[in-house]
């Protein structure tokens, strides 16, 4: 299904299984400098794990599973980690980290 207007286009396409995120990025986002995605835990793309103290859950990318693609943790509590821990309540700091890490510059 394709929905379009003068300014926008949306495509809904059926497929047999969930394609790898790398394939989606290569097919649809080659003209973008930064693409933020949610999910795709098992992919090898760089990840920032979001951790909230109130959830009471252990980190997904550290502990039982040590994901080498983890580049940072955004948390609302201090965490002892081998990657930078970003303040979850400071979106500017998170955006600056992403820009610096991906583009080599920050706002």
N, C-alpha and C. Protein backbone atom coordinates (compact mmCIF):
# COMPACT_ATOMS: atom_id res chain seq x y z
N UNK A 1 0.85 -1.16 0.00
CA UNK A 1 0.00 0.00 0.00
C UNK A 1 0.90 1.23 0.00
N UNK A 2 0.53 2.22 -0.79
CA UNK A 2 1.29 3.46 -0.88
C UNK A 2 0.35 4.63 -0.64
N UNK A 3 0.75 5.50 0.27
CA UNK A 3 -0.01 6.72 0.56
C UNK A 3 0.92 7.88 0.23
N UNK A 4 0.42 8.85 -0.54
CA UNK A 4 1.28 9.95 -0.94
C UNK A 4 0.52 11.27 -0.98
N UNK A 5 1.26 12.33 -0.79
CA UNK A 5 0.75 13.69 -0.95
C UNK A 5 1.85 14.51 -1.60
N UNK A 6 1.66 15.81 -1.72
CA UNK A 6 2.68 16.66 -2.34
C UNK A 6 3.99 16.65 -1.55
N UNK A 7 3.92 16.47 -0.24
CA UNK A 7 5.12 16.54 0.60
C UNK A 7 5.58 15.21 1.18
N UNK A 8 4.71 14.19 1.21
CA UNK A 8 5.05 12.97 1.95
C UNK A 8 4.69 11.72 1.17
N UNK A 9 5.35 10.63 1.57
CA UNK A 9 5.07 9.32 1.00
C UNK A 9 5.18 8.29 2.12
N UNK A 10 4.25 7.37 2.19
CA UNK A 10 4.32 6.28 3.16
C UNK A 10 4.06 4.97 2.41
N UNK A 11 4.90 4.00 2.67
CA UNK A 11 4.79 2.70 2.01
C UNK A 11 4.61 1.62 3.06
N UNK A 12 3.60 0.80 2.88
CA UNK A 12 3.39 -0.38 3.72
C UNK A 12 3.59 -1.58 2.81
N UNK A 13 4.55 -2.43 3.15
CA UNK A 13 4.93 -3.53 2.29
C UNK A 13 4.91 -4.83 3.08
N UNK A 14 4.29 -5.86 2.55
CA UNK A 14 4.26 -7.17 3.19
C UNK A 14 5.58 -7.90 2.92
N UNK A 15 6.04 -8.66 3.92
CA UNK A 15 7.21 -9.50 3.73
C UNK A 15 7.07 -10.75 4.58
N UNK A 16 7.83 -11.77 4.23
CA UNK A 16 7.69 -13.07 4.88
C UNK A 16 8.22 -13.08 6.31
N UNK A 17 9.23 -12.28 6.58
CA UNK A 17 9.83 -12.22 7.91
C UNK A 17 10.42 -10.85 8.13
N UNK A 18 10.78 -10.57 9.34
CA UNK A 18 11.36 -9.27 9.65
C UNK A 18 12.75 -9.15 9.02
N UNK A 19 12.93 -8.20 8.12
CA UNK A 19 14.25 -8.06 7.50
C UNK A 19 15.27 -7.50 8.49
N UNK A 20 16.54 -7.82 8.31
CA UNK A 20 17.57 -7.26 9.19
C UNK A 20 17.57 -5.73 9.09
N UNK A 21 17.83 -5.07 10.20
CA UNK A 21 17.83 -3.61 10.22
C UNK A 21 18.87 -3.07 9.24
N UNK A 22 19.98 -3.75 9.07
CA UNK A 22 21.01 -3.30 8.13
C UNK A 22 20.46 -3.24 6.71
N UNK A 23 19.61 -4.20 6.34
CA UNK A 23 19.00 -4.20 5.00
C UNK A 23 18.04 -3.02 4.86
N UNK A 24 17.27 -2.74 5.90
CA UNK A 24 16.34 -1.61 5.85
C UNK A 24 17.08 -0.28 5.73
N UNK A 25 18.15 -0.14 6.48
CA UNK A 25 18.95 1.09 6.41
C UNK A 25 19.53 1.27 5.02
N UNK A 26 20.06 0.20 4.45
CA UNK A 26 20.66 0.27 3.11
C UNK A 26 19.63 0.56 2.03
N UNK A 27 18.41 0.08 2.21
CA UNK A 27 17.38 0.27 1.19
C UNK A 27 16.70 1.64 1.26
N UNK A 28 16.56 2.19 2.47
CA UNK A 28 15.71 3.37 2.60
C UNK A 28 16.39 4.61 3.18
N UNK A 29 17.59 4.49 3.74
CA UNK A 29 18.16 5.63 4.47
C UNK A 29 19.58 5.97 4.07
N UNK A 30 19.98 5.66 2.86
CA UNK A 30 21.35 5.94 2.44
C UNK A 30 21.65 7.44 2.37
N UNK A 31 20.63 8.27 2.28
CA UNK A 31 20.83 9.71 2.19
C UNK A 31 20.79 10.41 3.55
N UNK A 32 20.77 9.65 4.64
CA UNK A 32 20.69 10.22 6.00
C UNK A 32 22.01 10.02 6.74
N UNK A 33 22.38 11.00 7.54
CA UNK A 33 23.60 10.91 8.35
C UNK A 33 23.37 10.09 9.61
N UNK A 34 22.19 10.26 10.23
CA UNK A 34 21.86 9.57 11.48
C UNK A 34 20.44 9.03 11.37
N UNK A 35 20.27 7.78 11.74
CA UNK A 35 18.94 7.15 11.81
C UNK A 35 18.82 6.53 13.20
N UNK A 36 17.80 6.91 13.95
CA UNK A 36 17.55 6.32 15.26
C UNK A 36 16.50 5.23 15.10
N UNK A 37 16.77 4.05 15.62
CA UNK A 37 15.83 2.94 15.56
C UNK A 37 15.58 2.43 16.97
N UNK A 38 14.45 1.79 17.14
CA UNK A 38 14.13 1.17 18.43
C UNK A 38 13.95 -0.31 18.20
N UNK A 39 14.46 -1.10 19.13
CA UNK A 39 14.36 -2.55 18.98
C UNK A 39 15.64 -3.09 18.35
N UNK A 40 15.52 -4.13 17.56
CA UNK A 40 16.65 -4.75 16.86
C UNK A 40 17.79 -5.09 17.82
N UNK A 41 17.44 -5.64 18.98
CA UNK A 41 18.43 -5.96 20.02
C UNK A 41 19.54 -6.87 19.53
N UNK A 42 19.23 -7.75 18.61
CA UNK A 42 20.22 -8.74 18.19
C UNK A 42 21.08 -8.27 17.02
N UNK A 43 20.85 -7.05 16.56
CA UNK A 43 21.65 -6.54 15.45
C UNK A 43 23.01 -6.05 15.95
N UNK A 44 23.90 -5.82 15.02
CA UNK A 44 25.23 -5.33 15.37
C UNK A 44 25.36 -3.82 15.28
N UNK A 45 24.25 -3.10 15.11
CA UNK A 45 24.34 -1.64 14.99
C UNK A 45 24.62 -1.04 16.37
N UNK A 46 25.26 0.13 16.40
CA UNK A 46 25.56 0.77 17.69
C UNK A 46 24.28 1.01 18.49
N UNK A 47 24.36 0.75 19.81
CA UNK A 47 23.18 0.84 20.66
C UNK A 47 23.42 1.74 21.86
N UNK A 48 22.36 2.46 22.24
CA UNK A 48 22.30 3.15 23.52
C UNK A 48 21.15 2.50 24.27
N UNK A 49 21.46 1.84 25.38
CA UNK A 49 20.41 1.20 26.16
C UNK A 49 19.77 2.22 27.09
N UNK A 50 18.44 2.22 27.13
CA UNK A 50 17.69 3.09 28.04
C UNK A 50 17.38 2.29 29.29
N UNK A 51 17.77 2.85 30.44
CA UNK A 51 17.58 2.17 31.72
C UNK A 51 16.84 3.11 32.67
N UNK A 52 15.74 2.63 33.22
CA UNK A 52 14.98 3.39 34.21
C UNK A 52 14.98 2.63 35.53
N UNK A 53 15.37 3.31 36.59
CA UNK A 53 15.43 2.70 37.92
C UNK A 53 14.09 2.09 38.31
N UNK A 54 12.99 2.81 38.03
CA UNK A 54 11.66 2.36 38.43
C UNK A 54 11.25 1.04 37.77
N UNK A 55 11.82 0.74 36.64
CA UNK A 55 11.48 -0.52 35.96
C UNK A 55 12.02 -1.72 36.73
N UNK A 56 13.12 -1.52 37.47
CA UNK A 56 13.67 -2.60 38.28
C UNK A 56 14.25 -3.75 37.47
N UNK A 57 14.59 -3.50 36.24
CA UNK A 57 15.12 -4.55 35.37
C UNK A 57 16.64 -4.42 35.24
N UNK A 58 17.33 -5.54 35.07
CA UNK A 58 18.78 -5.47 34.83
C UNK A 58 19.04 -4.96 33.41
N UNK A 59 20.25 -4.53 33.17
CA UNK A 59 20.62 -4.09 31.82
C UNK A 59 20.51 -5.26 30.85
N UNK A 60 20.05 -4.97 29.63
CA UNK A 60 19.92 -6.01 28.61
C UNK A 60 21.25 -6.28 27.92
N UNK A 61 22.04 -5.23 27.74
CA UNK A 61 23.28 -5.36 26.96
C UNK A 61 24.51 -5.66 27.81
N UNK A 62 24.32 -5.81 29.10
CA UNK A 62 25.40 -6.20 30.00
C UNK A 62 24.82 -7.22 31.00
N UNK A 63 25.66 -8.03 31.55
CA UNK A 63 25.18 -9.06 32.47
C UNK A 63 25.20 -10.41 31.78
N UNK A 64 24.03 -11.03 31.63
CA UNK A 64 23.96 -12.34 30.96
C UNK A 64 24.44 -12.24 29.52
N UNK A 65 24.15 -11.12 28.88
CA UNK A 65 24.55 -10.91 27.49
C UNK A 65 25.41 -9.65 27.41
N UNK A 66 26.62 -9.77 26.94
CA UNK A 66 27.52 -8.63 26.82
C UNK A 66 27.57 -8.22 25.35
N UNK A 67 26.77 -7.22 24.99
CA UNK A 67 26.64 -6.79 23.60
C UNK A 67 27.78 -5.84 23.24
N UNK A 68 28.67 -6.23 22.32
CA UNK A 68 29.78 -5.36 21.96
C UNK A 68 29.34 -4.11 21.19
N UNK A 69 28.10 -4.07 20.73
CA UNK A 69 27.60 -2.91 19.99
C UNK A 69 27.09 -1.80 20.92
N UNK A 70 27.06 -2.06 22.24
CA UNK A 70 26.60 -1.05 23.19
C UNK A 70 27.63 0.08 23.25
N UNK A 71 27.18 1.31 22.96
CA UNK A 71 28.10 2.46 22.98
C UNK A 71 27.83 3.38 24.17
N UNK A 72 26.65 3.24 24.80
CA UNK A 72 26.32 4.08 25.96
C UNK A 72 25.06 3.56 26.63
N UNK A 73 24.83 4.06 27.83
CA UNK A 73 23.60 3.77 28.57
C UNK A 73 22.99 5.11 28.94
N UNK A 74 21.71 5.29 28.68
CA UNK A 74 20.98 6.48 29.13
C UNK A 74 20.16 6.04 30.34
N UNK A 75 20.45 6.63 31.50
CA UNK A 75 19.85 6.16 32.75
C UNK A 75 19.43 7.31 33.63
N UNK A 76 18.45 7.03 34.48
CA UNK A 76 18.02 8.02 35.47
C UNK A 76 18.65 7.75 36.84
N UNK A 77 19.65 6.86 36.87
CA UNK A 77 20.41 6.60 38.09
C UNK A 77 21.86 6.31 37.73
N UNK A 78 22.78 6.56 38.66
CA UNK A 78 24.18 6.25 38.38
C UNK A 78 24.36 4.74 38.17
N UNK A 79 25.19 4.39 37.21
CA UNK A 79 25.49 2.99 36.91
C UNK A 79 26.99 2.88 36.70
N UNK A 80 27.59 1.85 37.26
CA UNK A 80 28.99 1.56 37.01
C UNK A 80 29.04 0.72 35.74
N UNK A 81 29.57 1.29 34.67
CA UNK A 81 29.56 0.59 33.38
C UNK A 81 30.86 0.85 32.63
N UNK A 82 31.11 0.01 31.65
CA UNK A 82 32.30 0.14 30.82
C UNK A 82 32.08 1.02 29.59
N UNK A 83 30.90 1.65 29.51
CA UNK A 83 30.57 2.60 28.45
C UNK A 83 30.07 3.87 29.11
N UNK A 84 30.02 4.99 28.39
CA UNK A 84 29.50 6.21 29.00
C UNK A 84 28.07 6.04 29.48
N UNK A 85 27.78 6.64 30.64
CA UNK A 85 26.41 6.65 31.17
C UNK A 85 25.89 8.07 31.02
N UNK A 86 24.83 8.22 30.25
CA UNK A 86 24.24 9.52 29.94
C UNK A 86 23.03 9.77 30.81
N UNK A 87 22.78 11.03 31.12
CA UNK A 87 21.61 11.40 31.93
C UNK A 87 20.36 11.28 31.07
N UNK A 88 19.50 10.33 31.41
CA UNK A 88 18.27 10.09 30.66
C UNK A 88 17.39 11.33 30.60
N UNK A 89 17.50 12.19 31.60
CA UNK A 89 16.66 13.40 31.67
C UNK A 89 17.32 14.60 30.99
N UNK A 90 18.37 14.38 30.23
CA UNK A 90 19.04 15.46 29.50
C UNK A 90 19.12 15.10 28.01
N UNK A 91 18.03 15.30 27.28
CA UNK A 91 18.03 14.93 25.86
C UNK A 91 19.11 15.65 25.05
N UNK A 92 19.46 16.88 25.43
CA UNK A 92 20.51 17.61 24.71
C UNK A 92 21.84 16.87 24.84
N UNK A 93 22.16 16.40 26.04
CA UNK A 93 23.41 15.66 26.24
C UNK A 93 23.43 14.37 25.43
N UNK A 94 22.29 13.69 25.36
CA UNK A 94 22.20 12.46 24.58
C UNK A 94 22.37 12.77 23.09
N UNK A 95 21.70 13.82 22.62
CA UNK A 95 21.82 14.22 21.21
C UNK A 95 23.27 14.62 20.88
N UNK A 96 23.90 15.36 21.79
CA UNK A 96 25.30 15.75 21.58
C UNK A 96 26.21 14.52 21.51
N UNK A 97 25.97 13.54 22.38
CA UNK A 97 26.76 12.31 22.37
C UNK A 97 26.61 11.61 21.02
N UNK A 98 25.37 11.50 20.53
CA UNK A 98 25.12 10.82 19.26
C UNK A 98 25.80 11.56 18.12
N UNK A 99 25.64 12.88 18.08
CA UNK A 99 26.28 13.67 17.02
C UNK A 99 27.79 13.52 17.05
N UNK A 100 28.37 13.59 18.24
CA UNK A 100 29.83 13.47 18.36
C UNK A 100 30.29 12.09 17.94
N UNK A 101 29.57 11.07 18.38
CA UNK A 101 29.96 9.68 18.10
C UNK A 101 29.81 9.35 16.61
N UNK A 102 28.73 9.82 15.99
CA UNK A 102 28.45 9.46 14.59
C UNK A 102 29.09 10.45 13.62
N UNK A 103 28.94 11.73 13.88
CA UNK A 103 29.41 12.75 12.93
C UNK A 103 30.74 13.39 13.32
N UNK A 104 31.14 13.21 14.57
CA UNK A 104 32.37 13.83 15.03
C UNK A 104 32.19 15.28 15.47
N UNK A 105 30.94 15.74 15.54
CA UNK A 105 30.64 17.12 15.97
C UNK A 105 29.46 17.12 16.91
N UNK A 106 29.32 18.18 17.66
CA UNK A 106 28.14 18.36 18.54
C UNK A 106 27.63 19.77 18.36
N UNK A 107 26.38 19.97 18.81
CA UNK A 107 25.77 21.29 18.69
C UNK A 107 26.42 22.27 19.62
